[in-house]
Amino acid sequence: MNKSDIVAKVAAETGMSQSALDMALGKVFSTISDSLSGGEDVAISGFGSFTVRSRAERQGRNPATGQPMTIKASKSVGFKAAKALKDAVN
């Protein structure tokens, strides 16, 4: 399921226009993205929480040549599902 499918399904269930829902969903995603890029965690009750995780610099190997290389430190987004979401899936 992609964003268009979600918008279409919610529009059918609520009677709202797809264009309004698409704009609202886009704002939700951009708000989450902005919060995470600012270093703030985002928790959605009953769904889960998004956190920014730091990865330290480390040594790796170039898969093509096998030569050792340094992998730069970076940040990534982590997601932990809430119990309600886990229960819904199981």
N, C-alpha and C. Protein backbone atom coordinates (compact mmCIF):
# COMPACT_ATOMS: atom_id res chain seq x y z
N MET A 1 0.85 -1.17 0.00
CA MET A 1 0.00 0.00 0.00
C MET A 1 0.90 1.23 0.00
N ASN A 2 0.60 2.17 -0.87
CA ASN A 2 1.38 3.40 -0.93
C ASN A 2 0.52 4.59 -0.51
N LYS A 3 1.08 5.79 -0.59
CA LYS A 3 0.38 7.00 -0.13
C LYS A 3 -0.95 7.19 -0.87
N SER A 4 -0.96 6.98 -2.18
CA SER A 4 -2.19 7.16 -2.96
C SER A 4 -3.28 6.20 -2.50
N ASP A 5 -2.88 4.96 -2.22
CA ASP A 5 -3.85 3.97 -1.74
C ASP A 5 -4.43 4.37 -0.38
N ILE A 6 -3.57 4.88 0.49
CA ILE A 6 -4.03 5.32 1.81
C ILE A 6 -5.02 6.47 1.66
N VAL A 7 -4.67 7.45 0.83
CA VAL A 7 -5.54 8.61 0.62
C VAL A 7 -6.88 8.16 0.06
N ALA A 8 -6.87 7.27 -0.93
CA ALA A 8 -8.12 6.80 -1.53
C ALA A 8 -8.99 6.06 -0.53
N LYS A 9 -8.38 5.22 0.29
CA LYS A 9 -9.14 4.43 1.26
C LYS A 9 -9.74 5.33 2.35
N VAL A 10 -8.95 6.26 2.86
CA VAL A 10 -9.46 7.16 3.90
C VAL A 10 -10.54 8.07 3.33
N ALA A 11 -10.37 8.52 2.10
CA ALA A 11 -11.38 9.37 1.46
C ALA A 11 -12.70 8.62 1.29
N ALA A 12 -12.62 7.35 0.91
CA ALA A 12 -13.83 6.54 0.75
C ALA A 12 -14.53 6.32 2.09
N GLU A 13 -13.76 6.14 3.15
CA GLU A 13 -14.35 5.88 4.47
C GLU A 13 -14.88 7.13 5.15
N THR A 14 -14.29 8.30 4.85
CA THR A 14 -14.70 9.52 5.54
C THR A 14 -15.56 10.45 4.70
N GLY A 15 -15.54 10.28 3.39
CA GLY A 15 -16.30 11.16 2.51
C GLY A 15 -15.57 12.47 2.21
N MET A 16 -14.33 12.60 2.68
CA MET A 16 -13.54 13.80 2.40
C MET A 16 -12.94 13.70 1.00
N SER A 17 -12.53 14.85 0.47
CA SER A 17 -11.93 14.84 -0.87
C SER A 17 -10.52 14.28 -0.81
N GLN A 18 -10.12 13.62 -1.88
CA GLN A 18 -8.78 13.04 -1.93
C GLN A 18 -7.71 14.12 -1.93
N SER A 19 -7.99 15.26 -2.58
CA SER A 19 -6.98 16.31 -2.63
C SER A 19 -6.73 16.91 -1.25
N ALA A 20 -7.78 17.08 -0.45
CA ALA A 20 -7.61 17.62 0.90
C ALA A 20 -6.85 16.62 1.78
N LEU A 21 -7.19 15.34 1.65
CA LEU A 21 -6.50 14.31 2.42
C LEU A 21 -5.04 14.18 2.01
N ASP A 22 -4.76 14.28 0.73
CA ASP A 22 -3.39 14.19 0.25
C ASP A 22 -2.56 15.33 0.82
N MET A 23 -3.13 16.54 0.85
CA MET A 23 -2.42 17.69 1.40
C MET A 23 -2.21 17.51 2.91
N ALA A 24 -3.22 17.03 3.62
CA ALA A 24 -3.11 16.83 5.07
C ALA A 24 -2.06 15.76 5.39
N LEU A 25 -2.09 14.66 4.65
CA LEU A 25 -1.13 13.58 4.88
C LEU A 25 0.30 14.05 4.57
N GLY A 26 0.44 14.84 3.54
CA GLY A 26 1.75 15.41 3.21
C GLY A 26 2.26 16.30 4.33
N LYS A 27 1.36 17.07 4.96
CA LYS A 27 1.75 17.93 6.07
C LYS A 27 2.15 17.10 7.29
N VAL A 28 1.45 16.00 7.53
CA VAL A 28 1.79 15.11 8.65
C VAL A 28 3.21 14.58 8.45
N PHE A 29 3.49 14.08 7.25
CA PHE A 29 4.82 13.54 6.97
C PHE A 29 5.91 14.60 7.07
N SER A 30 5.64 15.80 6.57
CA SER A 30 6.66 16.85 6.63
C SER A 30 6.87 17.32 8.07
N THR A 31 5.83 17.32 8.89
CA THR A 31 5.97 17.69 10.30
C THR A 31 6.83 16.66 11.04
N ILE A 32 6.57 15.38 10.77
CA ILE A 32 7.39 14.32 11.38
C ILE A 32 8.84 14.46 10.94
N SER A 33 9.06 14.68 9.66
CA SER A 33 10.41 14.83 9.11
C SER A 33 11.12 16.03 9.72
N ASP A 34 10.42 17.16 9.81
CA ASP A 34 11.02 18.37 10.39
C ASP A 34 11.39 18.16 11.85
N SER A 35 10.51 17.50 12.60
CA SER A 35 10.79 17.24 14.01
C SER A 35 12.01 16.35 14.17
N LEU A 36 12.09 15.30 13.37
CA LEU A 36 13.23 14.38 13.46
C LEU A 36 14.53 15.07 13.05
N SER A 37 14.48 15.89 12.02
CA SER A 37 15.70 16.58 11.58
C SER A 37 16.16 17.60 12.61
N GLY A 38 15.22 18.06 13.45
CA GLY A 38 15.58 18.96 14.54
C GLY A 38 16.03 18.23 15.80
N GLY A 39 16.10 16.90 15.74
CA GLY A 39 16.56 16.11 16.87
C GLY A 39 15.47 15.74 17.85
N GLU A 40 14.23 16.02 17.52
CA GLU A 40 13.11 15.72 18.42
C GLU A 40 12.48 14.37 18.06
N ASP A 41 12.16 13.57 19.07
CA ASP A 41 11.48 12.30 18.84
C ASP A 41 10.00 12.55 18.59
N VAL A 42 9.36 11.65 17.86
CA VAL A 42 7.93 11.76 17.56
C VAL A 42 7.24 10.49 18.03
N ALA A 43 6.24 10.64 18.90
CA ALA A 43 5.49 9.49 19.40
C ALA A 43 4.03 9.66 19.02
N ILE A 44 3.46 8.64 18.40
CA ILE A 44 2.06 8.64 18.02
C ILE A 44 1.39 7.53 18.81
N SER A 45 0.55 7.94 19.74
CA SER A 45 -0.09 7.01 20.66
C SER A 45 -0.86 5.92 19.90
N GLY A 46 -0.62 4.68 20.27
CA GLY A 46 -1.29 3.55 19.64
C GLY A 46 -0.68 3.11 18.32
N PHE A 47 0.31 3.86 17.82
CA PHE A 47 0.94 3.51 16.55
C PHE A 47 2.41 3.18 16.74
N GLY A 48 3.17 4.13 17.31
CA GLY A 48 4.58 3.88 17.54
C GLY A 48 5.34 5.17 17.71
N SER A 49 6.66 5.04 17.80
CA SER A 49 7.49 6.22 17.98
C SER A 49 8.68 6.19 17.01
N PHE A 50 9.02 7.38 16.53
CA PHE A 50 10.16 7.58 15.64
C PHE A 50 11.25 8.25 16.45
N THR A 51 12.48 7.76 16.33
CA THR A 51 13.61 8.36 17.03
C THR A 51 14.78 8.50 16.07
N VAL A 52 15.66 9.45 16.39
CA VAL A 52 16.88 9.64 15.63
C VAL A 52 17.98 8.85 16.35
N ARG A 53 18.65 8.00 15.62
CA ARG A 53 19.72 7.17 16.18
C ARG A 53 21.04 7.56 15.54
N SER A 54 22.06 7.63 16.36
CA SER A 54 23.40 7.98 15.85
C SER A 54 24.21 6.72 15.63
N ARG A 55 24.91 6.71 14.53
CA ARG A 55 25.83 5.61 14.23
C ARG A 55 27.24 6.15 14.28
N ALA A 56 28.11 5.50 15.02
CA ALA A 56 29.49 5.95 15.14
C ALA A 56 30.27 5.60 13.87
N GLU A 57 31.38 6.30 13.69
CA GLU A 57 32.28 5.97 12.58
C GLU A 57 32.85 4.57 12.83
N ARG A 58 32.98 3.81 11.75
CA ARG A 58 33.47 2.44 11.93
C ARG A 58 34.25 2.00 10.70
N GLN A 59 34.95 0.89 10.86
CA GLN A 59 35.72 0.32 9.76
C GLN A 59 34.86 -0.71 9.03
N GLY A 60 34.94 -0.71 7.72
CA GLY A 60 34.23 -1.68 6.90
C GLY A 60 35.13 -2.12 5.76
N ARG A 61 34.59 -2.87 4.84
CA ARG A 61 35.35 -3.32 3.68
C ARG A 61 34.59 -2.96 2.41
N ASN A 62 35.33 -2.52 1.41
CA ASN A 62 34.77 -2.26 0.11
C ASN A 62 34.39 -3.62 -0.49
N PRO A 63 33.11 -3.86 -0.79
CA PRO A 63 32.72 -5.19 -1.28
C PRO A 63 33.31 -5.54 -2.64
N ALA A 64 33.65 -4.53 -3.43
CA ALA A 64 34.21 -4.81 -4.76
C ALA A 64 35.69 -5.21 -4.68
N THR A 65 36.44 -4.55 -3.80
CA THR A 65 37.88 -4.79 -3.76
C THR A 65 38.35 -5.52 -2.51
N GLY A 66 37.53 -5.50 -1.46
CA GLY A 66 37.92 -6.13 -0.21
C GLY A 66 38.84 -5.25 0.64
N GLN A 67 39.17 -4.06 0.15
CA GLN A 67 40.04 -3.14 0.88
C GLN A 67 39.31 -2.54 2.08
N PRO A 68 40.01 -2.36 3.21
CA PRO A 68 39.39 -1.71 4.36
C PRO A 68 39.06 -0.26 4.05
N MET A 69 37.98 0.23 4.62
CA MET A 69 37.58 1.63 4.42
C MET A 69 36.88 2.12 5.67
N THR A 70 36.87 3.44 5.84
CA THR A 70 36.21 4.05 6.98
C THR A 70 34.80 4.47 6.55
N ILE A 71 33.81 4.05 7.33
CA ILE A 71 32.42 4.44 7.08
C ILE A 71 32.13 5.60 8.03
N LYS A 72 31.72 6.74 7.49
CA LYS A 72 31.52 7.95 8.28
C LYS A 72 30.38 7.77 9.29
N ALA A 73 30.44 8.55 10.36
CA ALA A 73 29.36 8.60 11.33
C ALA A 73 28.12 9.17 10.65
N SER A 74 26.96 8.68 11.04
CA SER A 74 25.72 9.16 10.43
C SER A 74 24.57 9.03 11.42
N LYS A 75 23.44 9.56 11.02
CA LYS A 75 22.22 9.44 11.80
C LYS A 75 21.21 8.68 10.97
N SER A 76 20.34 7.91 11.65
CA SER A 76 19.29 7.19 10.95
C SER A 76 18.01 7.31 11.77
N VAL A 77 16.91 6.99 11.16
CA VAL A 77 15.62 7.05 11.84
C VAL A 77 15.24 5.64 12.27
N GLY A 78 14.85 5.53 13.52
CA GLY A 78 14.39 4.25 14.06
C GLY A 78 12.89 4.34 14.33
N PHE A 79 12.22 3.23 14.22
CA PHE A 79 10.78 3.17 14.52
C PHE A 79 10.53 2.00 15.45
N LYS A 80 9.78 2.26 16.50
CA LYS A 80 9.38 1.20 17.41
C LYS A 80 7.86 1.18 17.45
N ALA A 81 7.28 0.06 17.07
CA ALA A 81 5.83 -0.07 17.04
C ALA A 81 5.25 -0.12 18.44
N ALA A 82 4.09 0.51 18.60
CA ALA A 82 3.38 0.47 19.88
C ALA A 82 2.74 -0.91 20.06
N LYS A 83 2.40 -1.23 21.30
CA LYS A 83 1.79 -2.52 21.59
C LYS A 83 0.49 -2.72 20.82
N ALA A 84 -0.30 -1.66 20.69
CA ALA A 84 -1.58 -1.76 19.96
C ALA A 84 -1.35 -2.14 18.51
N LEU A 85 -0.32 -1.59 17.88
CA LEU A 85 -0.01 -1.92 16.49
C LEU A 85 0.50 -3.36 16.40
N LYS A 86 1.36 -3.75 17.31
CA LYS A 86 1.85 -5.13 17.31
C LYS A 86 0.71 -6.13 17.49
N ASP A 87 -0.22 -5.82 18.38
CA ASP A 87 -1.36 -6.70 18.60
C ASP A 87 -2.26 -6.76 17.37
N ALA A 88 -2.43 -5.65 16.67
CA ALA A 88 -3.27 -5.61 15.46
C ALA A 88 -2.67 -6.46 14.35
N VAL A 89 -1.34 -6.48 14.26
CA VAL A 89 -0.67 -7.25 13.23
C VAL A 89 -0.72 -8.74 13.54
N ASN A 90 -0.60 -9.07 14.82
CA ASN A 90 -0.64 -10.47 15.21
C ASN A 90 -2.06 -10.86 15.44
